[in-house]
Amino acid sequence: MERLNREGDFTIQKNPMVKEAAAAGLYTSPLHGKFPKIQLLAIEDLFNGHRPEAPFMDSSVFKKARAGNWDWMCEGPCRCL
């Protein structure tokens, strides 16, 4: 992690969280290579378009929830959905 010091120069912080994330090692995907097991992203990183490194996942292999009657969740006619 880099931060600005008082002189305006970048310094690398020895953050225990970063050390622990690095010590967790890598996950090896049989098809897609290696990925860090623990990844630290700040909210600012997410807003700037950064995403965690992860293997490709095809969402079509997951079951979809079926539409149904949600009246059992409410007392009387359901107006919450």
Protein backbone atom coordinates (compact mmCIF):
# COMPACT_ATOMS: atom_id res chain seq x y z
CA MET A 1 0.00 0.00 0.00
CA GLU A 2 1.38 3.39 -0.92
CA ARG A 3 0.74 6.65 0.87
CA LEU A 4 2.01 10.20 0.56
CA ASN A 5 4.34 11.37 3.30
CA ARG A 6 4.65 15.00 4.44
CA GLU A 7 7.09 15.82 1.65
CA GLY A 8 4.65 14.54 -0.98
CA ASP A 9 6.66 11.41 -1.76
CA PHE A 10 5.12 7.95 -1.92
CA THR A 11 6.12 5.54 0.81
CA ILE A 12 5.27 1.87 1.08
CA GLN A 13 3.53 1.00 4.33
CA LYS A 14 4.24 -2.32 6.04
CA ASN A 15 0.59 -2.97 6.76
CA PRO A 16 -0.09 -6.19 8.73
CA MET A 17 -3.27 -6.73 6.70
CA VAL A 18 -1.29 -6.71 3.45
CA LYS A 19 1.28 -9.11 4.93
CA GLU A 20 -1.47 -11.50 6.07
CA ALA A 21 -3.17 -11.41 2.66
CA ALA A 22 0.13 -12.21 0.94
CA ALA A 23 0.86 -15.01 3.42
CA ALA A 24 -2.46 -16.71 2.58
CA GLY A 25 -0.97 -17.77 -0.73
CA LEU A 26 -2.57 -18.52 -4.06
CA TYR A 27 -5.56 -20.52 -5.23
CA THR A 28 -4.75 -22.67 -8.25
CA SER A 29 -7.64 -23.12 -10.64
CA PRO A 30 -7.36 -26.26 -12.76
CA LEU A 31 -8.34 -24.31 -15.87
CA HIS A 32 -7.50 -20.66 -15.26
CA GLY A 33 -4.19 -20.42 -13.40
CA LYS A 34 -3.36 -18.91 -10.02
CA PHE A 35 -5.20 -16.23 -8.06
CA PRO A 36 -4.54 -14.64 -4.64
CA LYS A 37 -6.70 -16.28 -1.95
CA ILE A 38 -7.17 -12.96 -0.10
CA GLN A 39 -7.41 -9.72 -2.05
CA LEU A 40 -7.73 -6.29 -0.50
CA LEU A 41 -9.66 -3.66 -2.42
CA ALA A 42 -10.66 -0.24 -1.17
CA ILE A 43 -14.04 1.23 -2.05
CA GLU A 44 -12.18 3.80 -4.15
CA ASP A 45 -10.61 0.95 -6.16
CA LEU A 46 -14.03 -0.55 -6.86
CA PHE A 47 -15.40 2.83 -7.97
CA ASN A 48 -12.39 3.18 -10.28
CA GLY A 49 -13.26 -0.10 -11.99
CA HIS A 50 -10.81 -2.47 -10.29
CA ARG A 51 -12.17 -5.96 -9.65
CA PRO A 52 -10.79 -8.91 -7.69
CA GLU A 53 -8.76 -11.39 -9.68
CA ALA A 54 -10.89 -14.51 -10.07
CA PRO A 55 -11.33 -17.40 -12.48
CA PHE A 56 -13.98 -17.06 -15.17
CA MET A 57 -17.39 -18.30 -14.02
CA ASP A 58 -20.16 -19.18 -16.45
CA SER A 59 -23.38 -18.02 -14.76
CA SER A 60 -25.48 -20.27 -16.99
CA VAL A 61 -24.47 -23.30 -14.92
CA PHE A 62 -26.25 -22.01 -11.80
CA LYS A 63 -29.90 -22.77 -11.14
CA LYS A 64 -32.27 -19.85 -11.51
CA ALA A 65 -34.89 -19.11 -8.87
CA ARG A 66 -38.36 -19.82 -10.15
CA ALA A 67 -41.08 -17.22 -9.98
CA GLY A 68 -43.70 -18.01 -7.44
CA ASN A 69 -46.31 -16.77 -5.06
CA TRP A 70 -44.68 -14.68 -2.34
CA ASP A 71 -47.88 -14.13 -0.32
CA TRP A 72 -46.58 -16.51 2.37
CA MET A 73 -44.09 -13.79 3.36
CA CYS A 74 -46.78 -11.26 4.29
CA GLU A 75 -49.88 -11.25 6.38
CA GLY A 76 -52.75 -10.69 3.98
CA PRO A 77 -52.26 -9.57 0.37
CA CYS A 78 -48.59 -9.09 -0.42
CA ARG A 79 -47.74 -5.50 -1.33
CA CYS A 80 -44.04 -5.66 -0.50
CA LEU A 81 -42.81 -6.88 -3.91
